[in-house]
Structures are given as C-alpha cells and as structure tokens.
Amino acid sequence: MKNAQLSGRSKSIYLHDIALGHKPSLPMTTEQQEALKGLTGARAELVYIRNALHALPQTERKKLFKRADFMERWLQGVNDIIKEWSNIRNRFIDMI
C-alpha cells in the first residue's frame, strides 16, 4: 500500500486508521509546498502595506484615502492579492 508508506505508517495501522474513519495525512507535494509559499508571500504583501499605512499619521492616511488615484491603485492591489489567494486555494482543492 503506497499510501501507508507515504504516510509513514505500517499497512495494518494505516488500514486500522481508515477503518476508524480517520484519513491519515500524506506529506505535502511539491505543488502544495509552492502554493503555501505563494500564500505566505501574499500575506507578507498585506503586512507590508498595513505597516506602511500604520506608520503614517492619521491625517496623512485620511488624505491618501480621499485621493481617487490612490484608491484606484489600492483597490487594484487588494484585488490582485485576493485573486492570488483564490488561485492558490483552487490549486489546493484540485490536489485533493
């Protein structure tokens, strides 16, 4: 049983776990690892943006968010990150 080997269990323990309704986890594939790195990178981008905004005084933040060009770029950036998260999520779902 390939799955028993991949999960690091003996065949009997693997079958026992399945009989009890447990689904033994398998190690992450290379694709899953890359998808996880993508999520980490997207999160880092959000943290960077948040930190940059929090470093500004409240009055400056208000001025920025009143500017149409800034809001357009802001929304585009947020939408890009959301799209990337959706793509990564879909890759994980496709692997299941």
PDB file of N, CA and C in Angstrom:
ATOM      1  N   MET A   1       0.838  -1.180   0.000  1.00  0.00           N
ATOM      2  CA  MET A   1       0.000   0.000   0.000  1.00  0.00           C
ATOM      3  C   MET A   1       0.885   1.245   0.000  1.00  0.00           C
ATOM      4  N   LYS A   2       0.836   1.919  -1.108  1.00  0.00           N
ATOM      5  CA  LYS A   2       1.666   3.113  -1.290  1.00  0.00           C
ATOM      6  C   LYS A   2       1.315   4.210  -0.287  1.00  0.00           C
ATOM      7  N   ASN A   3       0.010   4.418  -0.048  1.00  0.00           N
ATOM      8  CA  ASN A   3      -0.406   5.471   0.877  1.00  0.00           C
ATOM      9  C   ASN A   3       0.073   5.222   2.300  1.00  0.00           C
ATOM     10  N   ALA A   4       0.116   3.957   2.706  1.00  0.00           N
ATOM     11  CA  ALA A   4       0.622   3.631   4.043  1.00  0.00           C
ATOM     12  C   ALA A   4       2.085   4.043   4.150  1.00  0.00           C
ATOM     13  N   GLN A   5       2.858   3.736   3.121  1.00  0.00           N
ATOM     14  CA  GLN A   5       4.275   4.121   3.123  1.00  0.00           C
ATOM     15  C   GLN A   5       4.427   5.631   3.116  1.00  0.00           C
ATOM     16  N   LEU A   6       3.644   6.310   2.279  1.00  0.00           N
ATOM     17  CA  LEU A   6       3.742   7.759   2.183  1.00  0.00           C
ATOM     18  C   LEU A   6       3.377   8.458   3.496  1.00  0.00           C
ATOM     19  N   SER A   7       2.431   7.863   4.237  1.00  0.00           N
ATOM     20  CA  SER A   7       2.021   8.480   5.499  1.00  0.00           C
ATOM     21  C   SER A   7       2.922   8.078   6.655  1.00  0.00           C
ATOM     22  N   GLY A   8       3.881   7.186   6.389  1.00  0.00           N
ATOM     23  CA  GLY A   8       4.814   6.772   7.439  1.00  0.00           C
ATOM     24  C   GLY A   8       4.218   5.768   8.411  1.00  0.00           C
ATOM     25  N   ARG A   9       3.198   5.023   7.977  1.00  0.00           N
ATOM     26  CA  ARG A   9       2.545   4.028   8.824  1.00  0.00           C
ATOM     27  C   ARG A   9       2.726   2.642   8.226  1.00  0.00           C
ATOM     28  N   SER A  10       2.584   1.655   9.090  1.00  0.00           N
ATOM     29  CA  SER A  10       2.568   0.284   8.571  1.00  0.00           C
ATOM     30  C   SER A  10       1.215   0.049   7.905  1.00  0.00           C
ATOM     31  N   LYS A  11       1.140  -1.000   7.091  1.00  0.00           N
ATOM     32  CA  LYS A  11      -0.131  -1.293   6.404  1.00  0.00           C
ATOM     33  C   LYS A  11      -1.251  -1.540   7.402  1.00  0.00           C
ATOM     34  N   SER A  12      -0.953  -2.291   8.465  1.00  0.00           N
ATOM     35  CA  SER A  12      -2.008  -2.627   9.426  1.00  0.00           C
ATOM     36  C   SER A  12      -2.502  -1.384  10.167  1.00  0.00           C
ATOM     37  N   ILE A  13      -1.608  -0.513  10.561  1.00  0.00           N
ATOM     38  CA  ILE A  13      -2.017   0.712  11.262  1.00  0.00           C
ATOM     39  C   ILE A  13      -2.774   1.619  10.304  1.00  0.00           C
ATOM     40  N   TYR A  14      -2.315   1.711   9.069  1.00  0.00           N
ATOM     41  CA  TYR A  14      -2.993   2.532   8.067  1.00  0.00           C
ATOM     42  C   TYR A  14      -4.431   2.041   7.862  1.00  0.00           C
ATOM     43  N   LEU A  15      -4.596   0.722   7.676  1.00  0.00           N
ATOM     44  CA  LEU A  15      -5.933   0.156   7.482  1.00  0.00           C
ATOM     45  C   LEU A  15      -6.789   0.326   8.737  1.00  0.00           C
ATOM     46  N   HIS A  16      -6.181   0.180   9.906  1.00  0.00           N
ATOM     47  CA  HIS A  16      -6.900   0.383  11.168  1.00  0.00           C
ATOM     48  C   HIS A  16      -7.438   1.814  11.244  1.00  0.00           C
ATOM     49  N   ASP A  17      -6.577   2.783  10.923  1.00  0.00           N
ATOM     50  CA  ASP A  17      -6.984   4.181  10.968  1.00  0.00           C
ATOM     51  C   ASP A  17      -8.124   4.464   9.995  1.00  0.00           C
ATOM     52  N   ILE A  18      -8.043   3.908   8.810  1.00  0.00           N
ATOM     53  CA  ILE A  18      -9.100   4.107   7.812  1.00  0.00           C
ATOM     54  C   ILE A  18     -10.400   3.460   8.281  1.00  0.00           C
ATOM     55  N   ALA A  19     -10.300   2.267   8.881  1.00  0.00           N
ATOM     56  CA  ALA A  19     -11.489   1.588   9.377  1.00  0.00           C
ATOM     57  C   ALA A  19     -12.186   2.404  10.463  1.00  0.00           C
ATOM     58  N   LEU A  20     -11.418   3.165  11.241  1.00  0.00           N
ATOM     59  CA  LEU A  20     -11.999   4.000  12.286  1.00  0.00           C
ATOM     60  C   LEU A  20     -12.519   5.334  11.752  1.00  0.00           C
ATOM     61  N   GLY A  21     -12.360   5.537  10.447  1.00  0.00           N
ATOM     62  CA  GLY A  21     -12.857   6.768   9.845  1.00  0.00           C
ATOM     63  C   GLY A  21     -11.838   7.887   9.784  1.00  0.00           C
ATOM     64  N   HIS A  22     -10.609   7.610  10.158  1.00  0.00           N
ATOM     65  CA  HIS A  22      -9.561   8.625  10.084  1.00  0.00           C
ATOM     66  C   HIS A  22      -8.929   8.570   8.704  1.00  0.00           C
ATOM     67  N   LYS A  23      -8.554   9.727   8.216  1.00  0.00           N
ATOM     68  CA  LYS A  23      -7.850   9.765   6.940  1.00  0.00           C
ATOM     69  C   LYS A  23      -6.414  10.191   7.232  1.00  0.00           C
ATOM     70  N   PRO A  24      -5.503   9.228   7.259  1.00  0.00           N
ATOM     71  CA  PRO A  24      -4.109   9.579   7.545  1.00  0.00           C
ATOM     72  C   PRO A  24      -3.589  10.582   6.524  1.00  0.00           C
ATOM     73  N   SER A  25      -2.906  11.583   7.035  1.00  0.00           N
ATOM     74  CA  SER A  25      -2.397  12.622   6.133  1.00  0.00           C
ATOM     75  C   SER A  25      -1.136  12.155   5.435  1.00  0.00           C
ATOM     76  N   LEU A  26      -0.986  12.654   4.243  1.00  0.00           N
ATOM     77  CA  LEU A  26       0.205  12.371   3.447  1.00  0.00           C
ATOM     78  C   LEU A  26       1.086  13.611   3.461  1.00  0.00           C
ATOM     79  N   PRO A  27       2.381  13.438   3.235  1.00  0.00           N
ATOM     80  CA  PRO A  27       3.246  14.619   3.163  1.00  0.00           C
ATOM     81  C   PRO A  27       2.810  15.541   2.026  1.00  0.00           C
ATOM     82  N   MET A  28       3.102  16.819   2.175  1.00  0.00           N
ATOM     83  CA  MET A  28       2.737  17.780   1.128  1.00  0.00           C
ATOM     84  C   MET A  28       3.543  17.504  -0.131  1.00  0.00           C
ATOM     85  N   THR A  29       2.869  17.677  -1.257  1.00  0.00           N
ATOM     86  CA  THR A  29       3.555  17.545  -2.540  1.00  0.00           C
ATOM     87  C   THR A  29       4.348  18.819  -2.813  1.00  0.00           C
ATOM     88  N   THR A  30       5.184  18.777  -3.818  1.00  0.00           N
ATOM     89  CA  THR A  30       5.941  19.958  -4.210  1.00  0.00           C
ATOM     90  C   THR A  30       5.002  21.082  -4.622  1.00  0.00           C
ATOM     91  N   GLU A  31       3.932  20.742  -5.336  1.00  0.00           N
ATOM     92  CA  GLU A  31       2.946  21.760  -5.750  1.00  0.00           C
ATOM     93  C   GLU A  31       2.283  22.399  -4.535  1.00  0.00           C
ATOM     94  N   GLN A  32       1.934  21.579  -3.538  1.00  0.00           N
ATOM     95  CA  GLN A  32       1.321  22.114  -2.327  1.00  0.00           C
ATOM     96  C   GLN A  32       2.293  23.026  -1.579  1.00  0.00           C
ATOM     97  N   GLN A  33       3.551  22.637  -1.540  1.00  0.00           N
ATOM     98  CA  GLN A  33       4.560  23.467  -0.884  1.00  0.00           C
ATOM     99  C   GLN A  33       4.701  24.807  -1.597  1.00  0.00           C
ATOM    100  N   GLU A  34       4.683  24.791  -2.931  1.00  0.00           N
ATOM    101  CA  GLU A  34       4.774  26.034  -3.699  1.00  0.00           C
ATOM    102  C   GLU A  34       3.544  26.907  -3.474  1.00  0.00           C
ATOM    103  N   ALA A  35       2.366  26.275  -3.413  1.00  0.00           N
ATOM    104  CA  ALA A  35       1.138  27.030  -3.158  1.00  0.00           C
ATOM    105  C   ALA A  35       1.193  27.673  -1.779  1.00  0.00           C
ATOM    106  N   LEU A  36       1.698  26.949  -0.800  1.00  0.00           N
ATOM    107  CA  LEU A  36       1.828  27.501   0.545  1.00  0.00           C
ATOM    108  C   LEU A  36       2.803  28.670   0.569  1.00  0.00           C
ATOM    109  N   LYS A  37       3.872  28.570  -0.190  1.00  0.00           N
ATOM    110  CA  LYS A  37       4.817  29.697  -0.296  1.00  0.00           C
ATOM    111  C   LYS A  37       4.120  30.915  -0.913  1.00  0.00           C
ATOM    112  N   GLY A  38       3.254  30.663  -1.888  1.00  0.00           N
ATOM    113  CA  GLY A  38       2.508  31.758  -2.508  1.00  0.00           C
ATOM    114  C   GLY A  38       1.593  32.449  -1.508  1.00  0.00           C
ATOM    115  N   LEU A  39       0.932  31.671  -0.663  1.00  0.00           N
ATOM    116  CA  LEU A  39       0.087  32.251   0.381  1.00  0.00           C
ATOM    117  C   LEU A  39       0.909  33.079   1.354  1.00  0.00           C
ATOM    118  N   THR A  40       2.069  32.557   1.705  1.00  0.00           N
ATOM    119  CA  THR A  40       2.954  33.275   2.620  1.00  0.00           C
ATOM    120  C   THR A  40       3.400  34.596   2.002  1.00  0.00           C
ATOM    121  N   GLY A  41       3.731  34.572   0.726  1.00  0.00           N
ATOM    122  CA  GLY A  41       4.144  35.793   0.036  1.00  0.00           C
ATOM    123  C   GLY A  41       3.022  36.817  -0.041  1.00  0.00           C
ATOM    124  N   ALA A  42       1.802  36.348  -0.328  1.00  0.00           N
ATOM    125  CA  ALA A  42       0.658  37.259  -0.405  1.00  0.00           C
ATOM    126  C   ALA A  42       0.372  37.869   0.964  1.00  0.00           C
ATOM    127  N   ARG A  43       0.489  37.074   2.009  1.00  0.00           N
ATOM    128  CA  ARG A  43       0.291  37.591   3.360  1.00  0.00           C
ATOM    129  C   ARG A  43       1.346  38.636   3.686  1.00  0.00           C
ATOM    130  N   ALA A  44       2.578  38.365   3.299  1.00  0.00           N
ATOM    131  CA  ALA A  44       3.662  39.317   3.552  1.00  0.00           C
ATOM    132  C   ALA A  44       3.393  40.654   2.876  1.00  0.00           C
ATOM    133  N   GLU A  45       2.829  40.618   1.669  1.00  0.00           N
ATOM    134  CA  GLU A  45       2.480  41.851   0.962  1.00  0.00           C
ATOM    135  C   GLU A  45       1.444  42.660   1.754  1.00  0.00           C
ATOM    136  N   LEU A  46       0.426  41.966   2.268  1.00  0.00           N
ATOM    137  CA  LEU A  46      -0.595  42.652   3.056  1.00  0.00           C
ATOM    138  C   LEU A  46       0.002  43.262   4.325  1.00  0.00           C
ATOM    139  N   VAL A  47       0.881  42.535   4.981  1.00  0.00           N
ATOM    140  CA  VAL A  47       1.519  43.041   6.200  1.00  0.00           C
ATOM    141  C   VAL A  47       2.364  44.267   5.868  1.00  0.00           C
ATOM    142  N   TYR A  48       3.071  44.208   4.759  1.00  0.00           N
ATOM    143  CA  TYR A  48       3.901  45.344   4.341  1.00  0.00           C
ATOM    144  C   TYR A  48       3.037  46.591   4.127  1.00  0.00           C
ATOM    145  N   ILE A  49       1.921  46.427   3.429  1.00  0.00           N
ATOM    146  CA  ILE A  49       1.016  47.548   3.157  1.00  0.00           C
ATOM    147  C   ILE A  49       0.448  48.088   4.463  1.00  0.00           C
ATOM    148  N   ARG A  50      -0.001  47.172   5.319  1.00  0.00           N
ATOM    149  CA  ARG A  50      -0.571  47.602   6.600  1.00  0.00           C
ATOM    150  C   ARG A  50       0.450  48.380   7.414  1.00  0.00           C
ATOM    151  N   ASN A  51       1.673  47.865   7.498  1.00  0.00           N
ATOM    152  CA  ASN A  51       2.711  48.542   8.271  1.00  0.00           C
ATOM    153  C   ASN A  51       3.035  49.920   7.706  1.00  0.00           C
ATOM    154  N   ALA A  52       3.077  50.012   6.384  1.00  0.00           N
ATOM    155  CA  ALA A  52       3.364  51.303   5.758  1.00  0.00           C
ATOM    156  C   ALA A  52       2.268  52.315   6.082  1.00  0.00           C
ATOM    157  N   LEU A  53       1.031  51.871   6.038  1.00  0.00           N
ATOM    158  CA  LEU A  53      -0.080  52.778   6.353  1.00  0.00           C
ATOM    159  C   LEU A  53      -0.108  53.153   7.836  1.00  0.00           C
ATOM    160  N   HIS A  54       0.164  52.189   8.696  1.00  0.00           N
ATOM    161  CA  HIS A  54       0.150  52.474  10.131  1.00  0.00           C
ATOM    162  C   HIS A  54       1.283  53.404  10.538  1.00  0.00           C
ATOM    163  N   ALA A  55       2.337  53.454   9.754  1.00  0.00           N
ATOM    164  CA  ALA A  55       3.461  54.341  10.066  1.00  0.00           C
ATOM    165  C   ALA A  55       3.113  55.803   9.793  1.00  0.00           C
ATOM    166  N   LEU A  56       2.095  56.016   8.966  1.00  0.00           N
ATOM    167  CA  LEU A  56       1.682  57.384   8.639  1.00  0.00           C
ATOM    168  C   LEU A  56       0.766  57.947   9.727  1.00  0.00           C
ATOM    169  N   PRO A  57       0.846  59.241   9.960  1.00  0.00           N
ATOM    170  CA  PRO A  57      -0.117  59.852  10.878  1.00  0.00           C
ATOM    171  C   PRO A  57      -1.537  59.726  10.324  1.00  0.00           C
ATOM    172  N   GLN A  58      -2.502  59.730  11.206  1.00  0.00           N
ATOM    173  CA  GLN A  58      -3.904  59.575  10.823  1.00  0.00           C
ATOM    174  C   GLN A  58      -4.328  60.596   9.765  1.00  0.00           C
ATOM    175  N   THR A  59      -3.868  61.819   9.898  1.00  0.00           N
ATOM    176  CA  THR A  59      -4.256  62.854   8.930  1.00  0.00           C
ATOM    177  C   THR A  59      -3.736  62.515   7.533  1.00  0.00           C
ATOM    178  N   GLU A  60      -2.512  61.980   7.459  1.00  0.00           N
ATOM    179  CA  GLU A  60      -1.951  61.596   6.153  1.00  0.00           C
ATOM    180  C   GLU A  60      -2.722  60.433   5.547  1.00  0.00           C
ATOM    181  N   ARG A  61      -3.092  59.460   6.377  1.00  0.00           N
ATOM    182  CA  ARG A  61      -3.869  58.323   5.876  1.00  0.00           C
ATOM    183  C   ARG A  61      -5.204  58.798   5.308  1.00  0.00           C
ATOM    184  N   LYS A  62      -5.851  59.706   6.003  1.00  0.00           N
ATOM    185  CA  LYS A  62      -7.128  60.235   5.519  1.00  0.00           C
ATOM    186  C   LYS A  62      -6.958  60.936   4.181  1.00  0.00           C
ATOM    187  N   LYS A  63      -5.868  61.709   4.041  1.00  0.00           N
ATOM    188  CA  LYS A  63      -5.611  62.389   2.769  1.00  0.00           C
ATOM    189  C   LYS A  63      -5.424  61.381   1.636  1.00  0.00           C
ATOM    190  N   LEU A  64      -4.649  60.317   1.909  1.00  0.00           N
ATOM    191  CA  LEU A  64      -4.411  59.302   0.878  1.00  0.00           C
ATOM    192  C   LEU A  64      -5.704  58.651   0.413  1.00  0.00           C
ATOM    193  N   PHE A  65      -6.532  58.276   1.368  1.00  0.00           N
ATOM    194  CA  PHE A  65      -7.752  57.559   1.005  1.00  0.00           C
ATOM    195  C   PHE A  65      -8.811  58.453   0.391  1.00  0.00           C
ATOM    196  N   LYS A  66      -8.607  59.741   0.411  1.00  0.00           N
ATOM    197  CA  LYS A  66      -9.523  60.663  -0.275  1.00  0.00           C
ATOM    198  C   LYS A  66      -9.124  60.871  -1.727  1.00  0.00           C
ATOM    199  N   ARG A  67      -7.880  60.488  -2.079  1.00  0.00           N
ATOM    200  CA  ARG A  67      -7.398  60.671  -3.455  1.00  0.00           C
ATOM    201  C   ARG A  67      -7.866  59.514  -4.329  1.00  0.00           C
ATOM    202  N   ALA A  68      -8.480  59.838  -5.437  1.00  0.00           N
ATOM    203  CA  ALA A  68      -9.020  58.815  -6.335  1.00  0.00           C
ATOM    204  C   ALA A  68      -7.920  57.931  -6.917  1.00  0.00           C
ATOM    205  N   ASP A  69      -6.778  58.518  -7.305  1.00  0.00           N
ATOM    206  CA  ASP A  69      -5.707  57.710  -7.905  1.00  0.00           C
ATOM    207  C   ASP A  69      -5.139  56.717  -6.888  1.00  0.00           C
ATOM    208  N   PHE A  70      -5.003  57.144  -5.639  1.00  0.00           N
ATOM    209  CA  PHE A  70      -4.504  56.238  -4.602  1.00  0.00           C
ATOM    210  C   PHE A  70      -5.500  55.107  -4.366  1.00  0.00           C
ATOM    211  N   MET A  71      -6.775  55.452  -4.267  1.00  0.00           N
ATOM    212  CA  MET A  71      -7.794  54.433  -4.023  1.00  0.00           C
ATOM    213  C   MET A  71      -7.864  53.428  -5.167  1.00  0.00           C
ATOM    214  N   GLU A  72      -7.700  53.910  -6.374  1.00  0.00           N
ATOM    215  CA  GLU A  72      -7.712  53.004  -7.532  1.00  0.00           C
ATOM    216  C   GLU A  72      -6.553  52.008  -7.440  1.00  0.00           C
ATOM    217  N   ARG A  73      -5.364  52.524  -7.151  1.00  0.00           N
ATOM    218  CA  ARG A  73      -4.192  51.642  -7.006  1.00  0.00           C
ATOM    219  C   ARG A  73      -4.357  50.713  -5.808  1.00  0.00           C
ATOM    220  N   TRP A  74      -4.906  51.228  -4.722  1.00  0.00           N
ATOM    221  CA  TRP A  74      -5.129  50.430  -3.515  1.00  0.00           C
ATOM    222  C   TRP A  74      -6.078  49.266  -3.816  1.00  0.00           C
ATOM    223  N   LEU A  75      -7.203  49.584  -4.444  1.00  0.00           N
ATOM    224  CA  LEU A  75      -8.177  48.545  -4.759  1.00  0.00           C
ATOM    225  C   LEU A  75      -7.611  47.528  -5.747  1.00  0.00           C
ATOM    226  N   GLN A  76      -6.830  47.986  -6.708  1.00  0.00           N
ATOM    227  CA  GLN A  76      -6.223  47.062  -7.665  1.00  0.00           C
ATOM    228  C   GLN A  76      -5.259  46.119  -6.941  1.00  0.00           C
ATOM    229  N   GLY A  77      -4.464  46.657  -6.037  1.00  0.00           N
ATOM    230  CA  GLY A  77      -3.530  45.832  -5.272  1.00  0.00           C
ATOM    231  C   GLY A  77      -4.240  44.800  -4.415  1.00  0.00           C
ATOM    232  N   VAL A  78      -5.293  45.222  -3.741  1.00  0.00           N
ATOM    233  CA  VAL A  78      -6.072  44.297  -2.909  1.00  0.00           C
ATOM    234  C   VAL A  78      -6.729  43.230  -3.784  1.00  0.00           C
ATOM    235  N   ASN A  79      -7.280  43.637  -4.913  1.00  0.00           N
ATOM    236  CA  ASN A  79      -7.902  42.668  -5.823  1.00  0.00           C
ATOM    237  C   ASN A  79      -6.882  41.666  -6.350  1.00  0.00           C
ATOM    238  N   ASP A  80      -5.664  42.122  -6.653  1.00  0.00           N
ATOM    239  CA  ASP A  80      -4.615  41.209  -7.124  1.00  0.00           C
ATOM    240  C   ASP A  80      -4.278  40.168  -6.061  1.00  0.00           C
ATOM    241  N   ILE A  81      -4.191  40.614  -4.819  1.00  0.00           N
ATOM    242  CA  ILE A  81      -3.879  39.677  -3.737  1.00  0.00           C
ATOM    243  C   ILE A  81      -5.022  38.680  -3.550  1.00  0.00           C
ATOM    244  N   ILE A  82      -6.262  39.152  -3.613  1.00  0.00           N
ATOM    245  CA  ILE A  82      -7.407  38.255  -3.471  1.00  0.00           C
ATOM    246  C   ILE A  82      -7.429  37.231  -4.606  1.00  0.00           C
ATOM    247  N   LYS A  83      -7.139  37.664  -5.828  1.00  0.00           N
ATOM    248  CA  LYS A  83      -7.084  36.737  -6.962  1.00  0.00           C
ATOM    249  C   LYS A  83      -6.008  35.681  -6.739  1.00  0.00           C
ATOM    250  N   GLU A  84      -4.844  36.110  -6.242  1.00  0.00           N
ATOM    251  CA  GLU A  84      -3.755  35.164  -5.989  1.00  0.00           C
ATOM    252  C   GLU A  84      -4.166  34.146  -4.930  1.00  0.00           C
ATOM    253  N   TRP A  85      -4.813  34.623  -3.865  1.00  0.00           N
ATOM    254  CA  TRP A  85      -5.293  33.691  -2.842  1.00  0.00           C
ATOM    255  C   TRP A  85      -6.296  32.706  -3.421  1.00  0.00           C
ATOM    256  N   SER A  86      -7.180  33.184  -4.274  1.00  0.00           N
ATOM    257  CA  SER A  86      -8.167  32.296  -4.900  1.00  0.00           C
ATOM    258  C   SER A  86      -7.483  31.262  -5.778  1.00  0.00           C
ATOM    259  N   ASN A  87      -6.482  31.690  -6.550  1.00  0.00           N
ATOM    260  CA  ASN A  87      -5.743  30.749  -7.394  1.00  0.00           C
ATOM    261  C   ASN A  87      -5.055  29.685  -6.555  1.00  0.00           C
ATOM    262  N   ILE A  88      -4.432  30.095  -5.474  1.00  0.00           N
ATOM    263  CA  ILE A  88      -3.735  29.146  -4.600  1.00  0.00           C
ATOM    264  C   ILE A  88      -4.742  28.196  -3.960  1.00  0.00           C
ATOM    265  N   ARG A  89      -5.860  28.733  -3.489  1.00  0.00           N
ATOM    266  CA  ARG A  89      -6.903  27.909  -2.892  1.00  0.00           C
ATOM    267  C   ARG A  89      -7.394  26.875  -3.897  1.00  0.00           C
ATOM    268  N   ASN A  90      -7.636  27.308  -5.128  1.00  0.00           N
ATOM    269  CA  ASN A  90      -8.100  26.396  -6.156  1.00  0.00           C
ATOM    270  C   ASN A  90      -7.075  25.304  -6.454  1.00  0.00           C
ATOM    271  N   ARG A  91      -5.785  25.671  -6.426  1.00  0.00           N
ATOM    272  CA  ARG A  91      -4.746  24.654  -6.648  1.00  0.00           C
ATOM    273  C   ARG A  91      -4.764  23.619  -5.546  1.00  0.00           C
ATOM    274  N   PHE A  92      -4.973  24.049  -4.296  1.00  0.00           N
ATOM    275  CA  PHE A  92      -5.074  23.095  -3.198  1.00  0.00           C
ATOM    276  C   PHE A  92      -6.289  22.186  -3.372  1.00  0.00           C
ATOM    277  N   ILE A  93      -7.417  22.775  -3.732  1.00  0.00           N
ATOM    278  CA  ILE A  93      -8.642  21.980  -3.906  1.00  0.00           C
ATOM    279  C   ILE A  93      -8.469  20.978  -5.036  1.00  0.00           C
ATOM    280  N   ASP A  94      -7.823  21.382  -6.118  1.00  0.00           N
ATOM    281  CA  ASP A  94      -7.600  20.479  -7.247  1.00  0.00           C
ATOM    282  C   ASP A  94      -6.707  19.293  -6.880  1.00  0.00           C
ATOM    283  N   MET A  95      -5.869  19.481  -5.867  1.00  0.00           N
ATOM    284  CA  MET A  95      -4.937  18.418  -5.471  1.00  0.00           C
ATOM    285  C   MET A  95      -5.594  17.383  -4.580  1.00  0.00           C
ATOM    286  N   ILE A  96      -6.747  17.723  -4.025  1.00  0.00           N
ATOM    287  CA  ILE A  96      -7.411  16.796  -3.085  1.00  0.00           C
ATOM    288  C   ILE A  96      -8.112  15.703  -3.833  1.00  0.00           C
TER     289      ILE A  96
END
